[in-house]
Each structure stands twice: as C-alpha cells, then as structure tokens.
C-alpha cells in the first residue's frame, strides 16, 4: 500500500476506531502521558496498515500464480497440436427452457521458413427459447441490431427487443428510439437532463436540478432542488465529506443542496436564510 493511500485512509480509520472506543483522545490511565497515548494509537494504526498491506500482497501473489497456471496450460495445449491444425466442434446444452449451441474453432498455422506459430481459438455461443426465438450473445449494444439492446446478466448477456412506452427500464438504451428512461419508465419525446432522467454527473442535469440517488429506483436521476422542510445536502458536515472521499466530486449525491434562498441546517432539512 502506498503512503499516499495510507494517509488518505487515516482520517476514516480514526473516525471508525473512535466510534468503537478503540481510540481515545486522552489517556484513560492517569499514569500514561498524552504523548505515550498518541504513540500507542499510532502503533495500532501502523499494525492495521501492515496487515492490510500483507493481505494485498498475498492476494496479488495468488493472482499471479493463477495467471501463470493458465498461461502454462495454454502453451501445453498449443504444443499438443500438429504444426498445422484446424478443427471446428459444436456442443448443445439446455438450462431450464433455454437451449444453448456452442461452436468452438481452433486454428494453428506454422510458417515453414521461420518456424513461427500462429494460434487462435474462437468460441461462439447462441441460445434459443422453447418458442424458437434465437437470442444472440453480446457485450455492448452495438453487438445487437436495430430495435434491440444488450441485456447484461451474471451468467449470460443477450440481445433483447427494445422497450416501448411506459415499460419499466433501468437505462436509456433499453428504450426504443425516441424514448428515454424517465423515473424508471420509457417515455417518448423526453429531454435528456430533465426531471427523472438518468444521470452520472451533476453536469448531466439542467439548472435547478441535481443528480441524486432515488431510493425507489436504485439509480441516480435528475431531481429538483429541495424546498423548505425537505432533506438536503449539508456542505458544512465534515463527516459526510470524509465518508465520500473516494467518490467523484461531481457524481450523484444522496441529497441535493438547497434551492436559492435556503440553507441546509445540521438536522438535514432546508431553512430560509
């Protein structure tokens, strides 16, 4: 762990340990001086940083071993093939109501003059439901045709037809052309940056709006600035800034700052200035 990262973590660790009672601002034992108490606290933090660093090194070592093992297996597979080799095989499997068809192509070509070897292995998978509709795998939306989008899943990503008006959505790409995902539903003739549209940064929203997480949707949308009596973002709260030190400064907020003419009080509600 770099010293820069360690110092950035130091305030947060100090707060957490202070809440748990493991770090004291003053020595509990009257026989222990303040300097000795601070030295003990520094030693405890150093031990924690050392344990974290050792854990990171151990994880990195295991990852390197796994990559080395995969590389060795790949080299061994290539050497097992003759100098010039081509093979294409297919397998079929089924999970629930979905059938999967996988095609594996292996090509190995060796230059007779230089001895250089060129090897490639390609795996193509397609799936179909019981109704006979073929679902193609994808990585990005561009892998799918017009009128469809790439639905990413834990085990498989596939192309699905775009969603029409009033259909539930979690991103704009799911909605058909001319629609945007607004308050979790596909809406036609919507304007990006307006109320309820999906955002990643504060600059994605129009004036008088702020990019904030909407709990009912579980993703950030452009939201109106809070009025009097509503929850708000308190810029004077150092604990909130400390806990969000690793987030983008212009990223989504939990609460928006107050509208003009109002200030956010310590209890998190707006109040007239």
C-alpha atoms as a PDB file:
ATOM      1  CA  UNK A   1       0.000   0.000   0.000  1.00  0.00           C
ATOM      2  CA  UNK A   2       1.396   3.418  -0.945  1.00  0.00           C
ATOM      3  CA  UNK A   3       1.940   6.008   1.743  1.00  0.00           C
ATOM      4  CA  UNK A   4      -0.395   8.370  -0.151  1.00  0.00           C
ATOM      5  CA  UNK A   5      -3.305   5.932   0.064  1.00  0.00           C
ATOM      6  CA  UNK A   6      -2.487   5.133   3.684  1.00  0.00           C
ATOM      7  CA  UNK A   7      -2.676   8.798   4.659  1.00  0.00           C
ATOM      8  CA  UNK A   8      -5.976   9.161   2.775  1.00  0.00           C
ATOM      9  CA  UNK A   9      -7.403   6.253   4.771  1.00  0.00           C
ATOM     10  CA  UNK A  10      -6.061   7.546   8.071  1.00  0.00           C
ATOM     11  CA  UNK A  11      -8.913  10.023   8.851  1.00  0.00           C
ATOM     12  CA  UNK A  12     -11.604   7.452   8.081  1.00  0.00           C
ATOM     13  CA  UNK A  13      -9.936   4.772  10.184  1.00  0.00           C
ATOM     14  CA  UNK A  14      -9.528   7.229  13.007  1.00  0.00           C
ATOM     15  CA  UNK A  15     -13.235   8.066  12.922  1.00  0.00           C
ATOM     16  CA  UNK A  16     -14.290   4.423  12.839  1.00  0.00           C
ATOM     17  CA  UNK A  17     -11.969   3.448  15.634  1.00  0.00           C
ATOM     18  CA  UNK A  18     -13.065   6.461  17.646  1.00  0.00           C
ATOM     19  CA  UNK A  19     -16.701   5.395  17.318  1.00  0.00           C
ATOM     20  CA  UNK A  20     -15.873   1.902  18.520  1.00  0.00           C
ATOM     21  CA  UNK A  21     -13.968   3.207  21.505  1.00  0.00           C
ATOM     22  CA  UNK A  22     -10.620   1.787  20.454  1.00  0.00           C
ATOM     23  CA  UNK A  23      -9.012   5.202  20.011  1.00  0.00           C
ATOM     24  CA  UNK A  24      -9.183   7.752  22.836  1.00  0.00           C
ATOM     25  CA  UNK A  25      -8.415  11.433  22.540  1.00  0.00           C
ATOM     26  CA  UNK A  26      -6.896  11.456  26.065  1.00  0.00           C
ATOM     27  CA  UNK A  27      -5.191   8.713  28.079  1.00  0.00           C
ATOM     28  CA  UNK A  28      -7.578   6.753  30.308  1.00  0.00           C
ATOM     29  CA  UNK A  29      -4.799   5.840  32.734  1.00  0.00           C
ATOM     30  CA  UNK A  30      -3.536   8.939  34.636  1.00  0.00           C
ATOM     31  CA  UNK A  31      -0.078   7.366  34.815  1.00  0.00           C
ATOM     32  CA  UNK A  32       0.157   7.362  30.984  1.00  0.00           C
ATOM     33  CA  UNK A  33       1.133  10.672  29.413  1.00  0.00           C
ATOM     34  CA  UNK A  34      -0.619  12.109  26.375  1.00  0.00           C
ATOM     35  CA  UNK A  35       2.490  11.556  24.250  1.00  0.00           C
ATOM     36  CA  UNK A  36       2.600   7.871  25.228  1.00  0.00           C
ATOM     37  CA  UNK A  37      -1.100   7.513  24.401  1.00  0.00           C
ATOM     38  CA  UNK A  38      -0.616   9.051  20.960  1.00  0.00           C
ATOM     39  CA  UNK A  39       2.345   6.749  20.359  1.00  0.00           C
ATOM     40  CA  UNK A  40       0.189   3.716  21.203  1.00  0.00           C
ATOM     41  CA  UNK A  41      -2.533   4.941  18.859  1.00  0.00           C
ATOM     42  CA  UNK A  42      -0.029   5.437  16.049  1.00  0.00           C
ATOM     43  CA  UNK A  43       1.337   1.928  16.661  1.00  0.00           C
ATOM     44  CA  UNK A  44      -2.184   0.455  16.402  1.00  0.00           C
ATOM     45  CA  UNK A  45      -2.829   2.190  13.080  1.00  0.00           C
ATOM     46  CA  UNK A  46       0.561   1.100  11.753  1.00  0.00           C
ATOM     47  CA  UNK A  47      -0.303  -2.506  12.651  1.00  0.00           C
ATOM     48  CA  UNK A  48      -3.598  -2.199  10.776  1.00  0.00           C
ATOM     49  CA  UNK A  49      -1.883  -0.747   7.691  1.00  0.00           C
ATOM     50  CA  UNK A  50       0.733  -3.507   7.817  1.00  0.00           C
ATOM     51  CA  UNK A  51      -1.977  -6.218   7.959  1.00  0.00           C
ATOM     52  CA  UNK A  52      -3.818  -4.668   5.010  1.00  0.00           C
ATOM     53  CA  UNK A  53      -0.591  -4.452   3.006  1.00  0.00           C
ATOM     54  CA  UNK A  54       0.254  -8.102   3.741  1.00  0.00           C
ATOM     55  CA  UNK A  55      -3.244  -9.146   2.669  1.00  0.00           C
ATOM     56  CA  UNK A  56      -2.895  -7.233  -0.610  1.00  0.00           C
ATOM     57  CA  UNK A  57       0.489  -8.825  -1.290  1.00  0.00           C
ATOM     58  CA  UNK A  58      -0.922 -12.306  -0.616  1.00  0.00           C
ATOM     59  CA  UNK A  59      -3.860 -11.670  -2.961  1.00  0.00           C
ATOM     60  CA  UNK A  60      -1.537 -10.361  -5.683  1.00  0.00           C
ATOM     61  CA  UNK A  61       0.670 -13.453  -5.318  1.00  0.00           C
ATOM     62  CA  UNK A  62      -2.315 -15.787  -5.707  1.00  0.00           C
ATOM     63  CA  UNK A  63      -3.497 -13.904  -8.808  1.00  0.00           C
ATOM     64  CA  UNK A  64      -0.037 -14.136 -10.368  1.00  0.00           C
ATOM     65  CA  UNK A  65       0.052 -17.881  -9.685  1.00  0.00           C
ATOM     66  CA  UNK A  66      -3.376 -18.339 -11.296  1.00  0.00           C
ATOM     67  CA  UNK A  67      -2.345 -16.365 -14.406  1.00  0.00           C
ATOM     68  CA  UNK A  68       0.913 -18.340 -14.641  1.00  0.00           C
ATOM     69  CA  UNK A  69      -1.016 -21.615 -14.432  1.00  0.00           C
ATOM     70  CA  UNK A  70      -3.430 -20.533 -17.175  1.00  0.00           C
ATOM     71  CA  UNK A  71      -0.521 -19.470 -19.406  1.00  0.00           C
ATOM     72  CA  UNK A  72       1.198 -22.836 -18.913  1.00  0.00           C
ATOM     73  CA  UNK A  73      -1.986 -24.722 -19.766  1.00  0.00           C
ATOM     74  CA  UNK A  74      -2.449 -22.645 -22.939  1.00  0.00           C
ATOM     75  CA  UNK A  75       1.154 -23.287 -24.044  1.00  0.00           C
ATOM     76  CA  UNK A  76       0.755 -27.001 -23.351  1.00  0.00           C
ATOM     77  CA  UNK A  77      -2.449 -27.161 -25.428  1.00  0.00           C
ATOM     78  CA  UNK A  78      -0.774 -25.409 -28.382  1.00  0.00           C
ATOM     79  CA  UNK A  79       2.219 -27.765 -28.286  1.00  0.00           C
ATOM     80  CA  UNK A  80      -0.076 -30.805 -28.316  1.00  0.00           C
ATOM     81  CA  UNK A  81      -1.439 -29.848 -31.755  1.00  0.00           C
ATOM     82  CA  UNK A  82       0.421 -30.671 -35.010  1.00  0.00           C
ATOM     83  CA  UNK A  83       2.226 -27.795 -36.793  1.00  0.00           C
ATOM     84  CA  UNK A  84      -0.790 -27.069 -39.000  1.00  0.00           C
ATOM     85  CA  UNK A  85      -4.158 -27.786 -37.451  1.00  0.00           C
ATOM     86  CA  UNK A  86      -7.791 -26.780 -37.942  1.00  0.00           C
ATOM     87  CA  UNK A  87     -10.798 -28.092 -36.077  1.00  0.00           C
ATOM     88  CA  UNK A  88     -14.384 -26.995 -35.563  1.00  0.00           C
ATOM     89  CA  UNK A  89     -16.662 -28.644 -32.999  1.00  0.00           C
ATOM     90  CA  UNK A  90     -20.109 -27.903 -31.607  1.00  0.00           C
ATOM     91  CA  UNK A  91     -21.969 -28.809 -28.433  1.00  0.00           C
ATOM     92  CA  UNK A  92     -25.586 -28.430 -27.348  1.00  0.00           C
ATOM     93  CA  UNK A  93     -26.838 -27.993 -23.798  1.00  0.00           C
ATOM     94  CA  UNK A  94     -30.018 -26.920 -22.056  1.00  0.00           C
ATOM     95  CA  UNK A  95     -30.751 -24.935 -18.903  1.00  0.00           C
ATOM     96  CA  UNK A  96     -34.404 -24.626 -17.978  1.00  0.00           C
ATOM     97  CA  UNK A  97     -36.407 -23.561 -21.032  1.00  0.00           C
ATOM     98  CA  UNK A  98     -33.352 -22.248 -22.896  1.00  0.00           C
ATOM     99  CA  UNK A  99     -31.157 -24.284 -25.257  1.00  0.00           C
ATOM    100  CA  UNK A 100     -27.524 -23.311 -25.872  1.00  0.00           C
ATOM    101  CA  UNK A 101     -25.481 -24.052 -29.002  1.00  0.00           C
ATOM    102  CA  UNK A 102     -21.709 -23.545 -28.735  1.00  0.00           C
ATOM    103  CA  UNK A 103     -19.259 -23.648 -31.645  1.00  0.00           C
ATOM    104  CA  UNK A 104     -15.509 -23.858 -30.948  1.00  0.00           C
ATOM    105  CA  UNK A 105     -12.978 -23.174 -33.701  1.00  0.00           C
ATOM    106  CA  UNK A 106      -9.251 -23.891 -33.311  1.00  0.00           C
ATOM    107  CA  UNK A 107      -6.641 -22.873 -35.875  1.00  0.00           C
ATOM    108  CA  UNK A 108      -2.873 -23.391 -35.744  1.00  0.00           C
ATOM    109  CA  UNK A 109      -0.562 -22.419 -38.603  1.00  0.00           C
ATOM    110  CA  UNK A 110       3.252 -22.815 -38.602  1.00  0.00           C
ATOM    111  CA  UNK A 111       5.480 -20.919 -41.032  1.00  0.00           C
ATOM    112  CA  UNK A 112       7.741 -23.489 -42.721  1.00  0.00           C
ATOM    113  CA  UNK A 113      10.556 -20.964 -43.200  1.00  0.00           C
ATOM    114  CA  UNK A 114      10.677 -19.084 -39.898  1.00  0.00           C
ATOM    115  CA  UNK A 115       9.021 -21.678 -37.670  1.00  0.00           C
ATOM    116  CA  UNK A 116       6.728 -19.020 -36.232  1.00  0.00           C
ATOM    117  CA  UNK A 117       3.396 -20.368 -34.951  1.00  0.00           C
ATOM    118  CA  UNK A 118       0.042 -18.593 -35.158  1.00  0.00           C
ATOM    119  CA  UNK A 119      -2.714 -19.947 -32.935  1.00  0.00           C
ATOM    120  CA  UNK A 120      -6.330 -18.847 -32.428  1.00  0.00           C
ATOM    121  CA  UNK A 121      -9.285 -20.235 -30.525  1.00  0.00           C
ATOM    122  CA  UNK A 122     -12.796 -18.882 -31.064  1.00  0.00           C
ATOM    123  CA  UNK A 123     -15.933 -19.757 -29.084  1.00  0.00           C
ATOM    124  CA  UNK A 124     -19.376 -18.655 -30.356  1.00  0.00           C
ATOM    125  CA  UNK A 125     -22.496 -19.282 -28.274  1.00  0.00           C
ATOM    126  CA  UNK A 126     -26.138 -18.747 -29.206  1.00  0.00           C
ATOM    127  CA  UNK A 127     -29.301 -19.608 -27.323  1.00  0.00           C
ATOM    128  CA  UNK A 128     -32.959 -20.139 -28.146  1.00  0.00           C
ATOM    129  CA  UNK A 129     -36.105 -20.395 -26.054  1.00  0.00           C
ATOM    130  CA  UNK A 130     -38.769 -23.091 -26.431  1.00  0.00           C
ATOM    131  CA  UNK A 131     -40.651 -20.758 -28.769  1.00  0.00           C
ATOM    132  CA  UNK A 132     -37.762 -20.979 -31.237  1.00  0.00           C
ATOM    133  CA  UNK A 133     -36.569 -17.346 -30.913  1.00  0.00           C
ATOM    134  CA  UNK A 134     -32.785 -17.125 -31.174  1.00  0.00           C
ATOM    135  CA  UNK A 135     -31.034 -14.920 -28.615  1.00  0.00           C
ATOM    136  CA  UNK A 136     -27.524 -13.804 -29.600  1.00  0.00           C
ATOM    137  CA  UNK A 137     -24.807 -13.103 -27.065  1.00  0.00           C
ATOM    138  CA  UNK A 138     -23.473  -9.550 -26.818  1.00  0.00           C
ATOM    139  CA  UNK A 139     -21.071  -7.330 -24.927  1.00  0.00           C
ATOM    140  CA  UNK A 140     -22.272  -3.839 -25.896  1.00  0.00           C
ATOM    141  CA  UNK A 141     -25.447  -2.514 -27.519  1.00  0.00           C
ATOM    142  CA  UNK A 142     -23.665  -2.201 -30.869  1.00  0.00           C
ATOM    143  CA  UNK A 143     -23.490  -6.016 -30.996  1.00  0.00           C
ATOM    144  CA  UNK A 144     -27.293  -6.065 -31.363  1.00  0.00           C
ATOM    145  CA  UNK A 145     -29.308  -4.947 -34.383  1.00  0.00           C
ATOM    146  CA  UNK A 146     -31.693  -2.004 -34.691  1.00  0.00           C
ATOM    147  CA  UNK A 147     -34.625  -2.098 -32.314  1.00  0.00           C
ATOM    148  CA  UNK A 148     -32.779  -4.152 -29.683  1.00  0.00           C
ATOM    149  CA  UNK A 149     -30.331  -3.698 -26.800  1.00  0.00           C
ATOM    150  CA  UNK A 150     -27.768  -5.775 -24.899  1.00  0.00           C
ATOM    151  CA  UNK A 151     -29.125  -7.120 -21.604  1.00  0.00           C
ATOM    152  CA  UNK A 152     -26.181  -7.937 -19.322  1.00  0.00           C
ATOM    153  CA  UNK A 153     -26.580 -10.816 -16.886  1.00  0.00           C
ATOM    154  CA  UNK A 154     -24.443 -12.647 -14.359  1.00  0.00           C
ATOM    155  CA  UNK A 155     -24.134 -15.804 -16.467  1.00  0.00           C
ATOM    156  CA  UNK A 156     -25.112 -14.579 -19.921  1.00  0.00           C
ATOM    157  CA  UNK A 157     -25.619 -11.379 -21.903  1.00  0.00           C
ATOM    158  CA  UNK A 158     -28.149 -11.402 -24.738  1.00  0.00           C
ATOM    159  CA  UNK A 159     -29.879  -9.128 -27.238  1.00  0.00           C
ATOM    160  CA  UNK A 160     -33.493  -8.279 -26.413  1.00  0.00           C
ATOM    161  CA  UNK A 161     -36.132  -6.197 -28.240  1.00  0.00           C
ATOM    162  CA  UNK A 162     -36.254  -2.544 -27.181  1.00  0.00           C
ATOM    163  CA  UNK A 163     -38.955  -1.450 -24.727  1.00  0.00           C
ATOM    164  CA  UNK A 164     -41.932   0.699 -25.703  1.00  0.00           C
ATOM    165  CA  UNK A 165     -43.823   3.493 -23.913  1.00  0.00           C
ATOM    166  CA  UNK A 166     -44.461   3.013 -20.157  1.00  0.00           C
ATOM    167  CA  UNK A 167     -42.264  -0.117 -19.935  1.00  0.00           C
ATOM    168  CA  UNK A 168     -40.023  -0.460 -16.868  1.00  0.00           C
ATOM    169  CA  UNK A 169     -36.360   0.375 -17.510  1.00  0.00           C
ATOM    170  CA  UNK A 170     -33.058   0.966 -15.740  1.00  0.00           C
ATOM    171  CA  UNK A 171     -31.124   2.758 -18.529  1.00  0.00           C
ATOM    172  CA  UNK A 172     -31.882   4.744 -21.680  1.00  0.00           C
ATOM    173  CA  UNK A 173     -30.505   2.089 -24.037  1.00  0.00           C
ATOM    174  CA  UNK A 174     -33.338  -0.299 -23.112  1.00  0.00           C
ATOM    175  CA  UNK A 175     -35.978   2.055 -24.555  1.00  0.00           C
ATOM    176  CA  UNK A 176     -36.881   2.206 -28.263  1.00  0.00           C
ATOM    177  CA  UNK A 177     -35.676   5.063 -30.457  1.00  0.00           C
ATOM    178  CA  UNK A 178     -37.169   8.413 -29.492  1.00  0.00           C
ATOM    179  CA  UNK A 179     -37.698   7.319 -25.865  1.00  0.00           C
ATOM    180  CA  UNK A 180     -35.745   7.919 -22.657  1.00  0.00           C
ATOM    181  CA  UNK A 181     -35.892   6.167 -19.299  1.00  0.00           C
ATOM    182  CA  UNK A 182     -37.684   8.676 -17.034  1.00  0.00           C
ATOM    183  CA  UNK A 183     -38.499   7.810 -13.412  1.00  0.00           C
ATOM    184  CA  UNK A 184     -37.899   4.136 -14.305  1.00  0.00           C
ATOM    185  CA  UNK A 185     -40.230   4.022 -17.352  1.00  0.00           C
ATOM    186  CA  UNK A 186     -39.685   4.517 -21.086  1.00  0.00           C
ATOM    187  CA  UNK A 187     -41.192   7.867 -22.103  1.00  0.00           C
ATOM    188  CA  UNK A 188     -41.443   9.293 -25.621  1.00  0.00           C
ATOM    189  CA  UNK A 189     -40.266  12.799 -26.550  1.00  0.00           C
ATOM    190  CA  UNK A 190     -38.327  13.277 -23.313  1.00  0.00           C
ATOM    191  CA  UNK A 191     -35.385  15.667 -22.964  1.00  0.00           C
ATOM    192  CA  UNK A 192     -32.089  14.479 -21.520  1.00  0.00           C
ATOM    193  CA  UNK A 193     -31.261  16.368 -18.338  1.00  0.00           C
ATOM    194  CA  UNK A 194     -34.888  16.907 -17.378  1.00  0.00           C
ATOM    195  CA  UNK A 195     -36.569  15.716 -14.155  1.00  0.00           C
ATOM    196  CA  UNK A 196     -36.370  11.950 -13.710  1.00  0.00           C
ATOM    197  CA  UNK A 197     -33.830  11.321 -16.485  1.00  0.00           C
ATOM    198  CA  UNK A 198     -30.849   9.108 -15.646  1.00  0.00           C
ATOM    199  CA  UNK A 199     -27.573  10.873 -14.764  1.00  0.00           C
ATOM    200  CA  UNK A 200     -23.994  10.063 -13.795  1.00  0.00           C
ATOM    201  CA  UNK A 201     -22.665  13.560 -13.092  1.00  0.00           C
ATOM    202  CA  UNK A 202     -24.119  16.853 -11.901  1.00  0.00           C
ATOM    203  CA  UNK A 203     -23.449  18.322 -15.343  1.00  0.00           C
ATOM    204  CA  UNK A 204     -25.911  15.801 -16.861  1.00  0.00           C
ATOM    205  CA  UNK A 205     -28.849  17.688 -15.289  1.00  0.00           C
ATOM    206  CA  UNK A 206     -30.401  21.022 -16.235  1.00  0.00           C
ATOM    207  CA  UNK A 207     -30.222  24.085 -13.990  1.00  0.00           C
ATOM    208  CA  UNK A 208     -32.338  23.955 -10.827  1.00  0.00           C
ATOM    209  CA  UNK A 209     -31.854  20.161 -10.857  1.00  0.00           C
ATOM    210  CA  UNK A 210     -29.278  17.945  -9.188  1.00  0.00           C
ATOM    211  CA  UNK A 211     -28.077  14.380  -9.812  1.00  0.00           C
ATOM    212  CA  UNK A 212     -29.066  12.296  -6.770  1.00  0.00           C
ATOM    213  CA  UNK A 213     -29.875   8.682  -5.918  1.00  0.00           C
ATOM    214  CA  UNK A 214     -33.579   7.870  -5.936  1.00  0.00           C
ATOM    215  CA  UNK A 215     -34.184   5.029  -3.477  1.00  0.00           C
ATOM    216  CA  UNK A 216     -37.312   3.704  -5.210  1.00  0.00           C
ATOM    217  CA  UNK A 217     -35.313   3.220  -8.455  1.00  0.00           C
ATOM    218  CA  UNK A 218     -31.885   2.306  -7.001  1.00  0.00           C
ATOM    219  CA  UNK A 219     -30.100   4.517  -9.551  1.00  0.00           C
ATOM    220  CA  UNK A 220     -29.447   8.285  -9.793  1.00  0.00           C
ATOM    221  CA  UNK A 221     -31.784  10.645 -11.658  1.00  0.00           C
ATOM    222  CA  UNK A 222     -32.057  14.404 -12.136  1.00  0.00           C
ATOM    223  CA  UNK A 223     -34.024  15.696  -9.152  1.00  0.00           C
ATOM    224  CA  UNK A 224     -35.423  19.107  -8.202  1.00  0.00           C
ATOM    225  CA  UNK A 225     -33.525  21.015  -5.509  1.00  0.00           C
ATOM    226  CA  UNK A 226     -35.166  20.581  -2.077  1.00  0.00           C
ATOM    227  CA  UNK A 227     -37.605  23.172  -0.798  1.00  0.00           C
ATOM    228  CA  UNK A 228     -38.150  24.336   2.777  1.00  0.00           C
ATOM    229  CA  UNK A 229     -38.532  21.424   5.213  1.00  0.00           C
ATOM    230  CA  UNK A 230     -37.146  18.783   2.828  1.00  0.00           C
ATOM    231  CA  UNK A 231     -33.951  16.747   3.319  1.00  0.00           C
ATOM    232  CA  UNK A 232     -30.864  18.361   1.852  1.00  0.00           C
ATOM    233  CA  UNK A 233     -27.102  18.060   1.444  1.00  0.00           C
ATOM    234  CA  UNK A 234     -25.209  19.852   4.213  1.00  0.00           C
ATOM    235  CA  UNK A 235     -21.850  21.038   2.773  1.00  0.00           C
ATOM    236  CA  UNK A 236     -20.631  22.016   6.252  1.00  0.00           C
ATOM    237  CA  UNK A 237     -20.767  18.429   7.573  1.00  0.00           C
ATOM    238  CA  UNK A 238     -17.136  17.164   7.521  1.00  0.00           C
ATOM    239  CA  UNK A 239     -18.147  13.573   8.272  1.00  0.00           C
ATOM    240  CA  UNK A 240     -20.129  13.299   5.031  1.00  0.00           C
ATOM    241  CA  UNK A 241     -17.176  14.606   3.035  1.00  0.00           C
ATOM    242  CA  UNK A 242     -14.864  12.156   4.856  1.00  0.00           C
ATOM    243  CA  UNK A 243     -17.027   9.117   4.103  1.00  0.00           C
ATOM    244  CA  UNK A 244     -17.322  10.098   0.418  1.00  0.00           C
ATOM    245  CA  UNK A 245     -13.611  10.874  -0.123  1.00  0.00           C
ATOM    246  CA  UNK A 246     -13.284   8.184  -2.811  1.00  0.00           C
ATOM    247  CA  UNK A 247     -16.277   9.322  -4.875  1.00  0.00           C
ATOM    248  CA  UNK A 248     -16.288  11.609  -7.890  1.00  0.00           C
ATOM    249  CA  UNK A 249     -16.711  15.214  -6.671  1.00  0.00           C
ATOM    250  CA  UNK A 250     -19.390  15.878  -9.308  1.00  0.00           C
ATOM    251  CA  UNK A 251     -21.019  12.455  -9.058  1.00  0.00           C
ATOM    252  CA  UNK A 252     -24.505  11.635  -7.737  1.00  0.00           C
ATOM    253  CA  UNK A 253     -25.378  12.714  -4.194  1.00  0.00           C
ATOM    254  CA  UNK A 254     -27.610  11.166  -1.577  1.00  0.00           C
ATOM    255  CA  UNK A 255     -29.344  14.523  -1.113  1.00  0.00           C
ATOM    256  CA  UNK A 256     -29.290  17.682  -3.207  1.00  0.00           C
ATOM    257  CA  UNK A 257     -28.173  21.120  -1.997  1.00  0.00           C
ATOM    258  CA  UNK A 258     -30.864  23.669  -1.172  1.00  0.00           C
ATOM    259  CA  UNK A 259     -32.542  25.837  -3.749  1.00  0.00           C
ATOM    260  CA  UNK A 260     -31.663  29.538  -3.878  1.00  0.00           C
ATOM    261  CA  UNK A 261     -32.597  31.471  -0.748  1.00  0.00           C
ATOM    262  CA  UNK A 262     -32.457  28.436   1.541  1.00  0.00           C
ATOM    263  CA  UNK A 263     -29.669  26.900   3.642  1.00  0.00           C
ATOM    264  CA  UNK A 264     -29.251  23.349   4.906  1.00  0.00           C
ATOM    265  CA  UNK A 265     -29.353  23.042   8.694  1.00  0.00           C
ATOM    266  CA  UNK A 266     -27.486  20.445  10.764  1.00  0.00           C
ATOM    267  CA  UNK A 267     -30.559  18.211  11.107  1.00  0.00           C
ATOM    268  CA  UNK A 268     -30.681  17.840   7.307  1.00  0.00           C
ATOM    269  CA  UNK A 269     -33.724  19.999   6.470  1.00  0.00           C
ATOM    270  CA  UNK A 270     -33.835  23.220   4.489  1.00  0.00           C
ATOM    271  CA  UNK A 271     -34.438  26.543   6.181  1.00  0.00           C
ATOM    272  CA  UNK A 272     -34.847  30.088   4.920  1.00  0.00           C
ATOM    273  CA  UNK A 273     -31.758  32.267   5.206  1.00  0.00           C
END
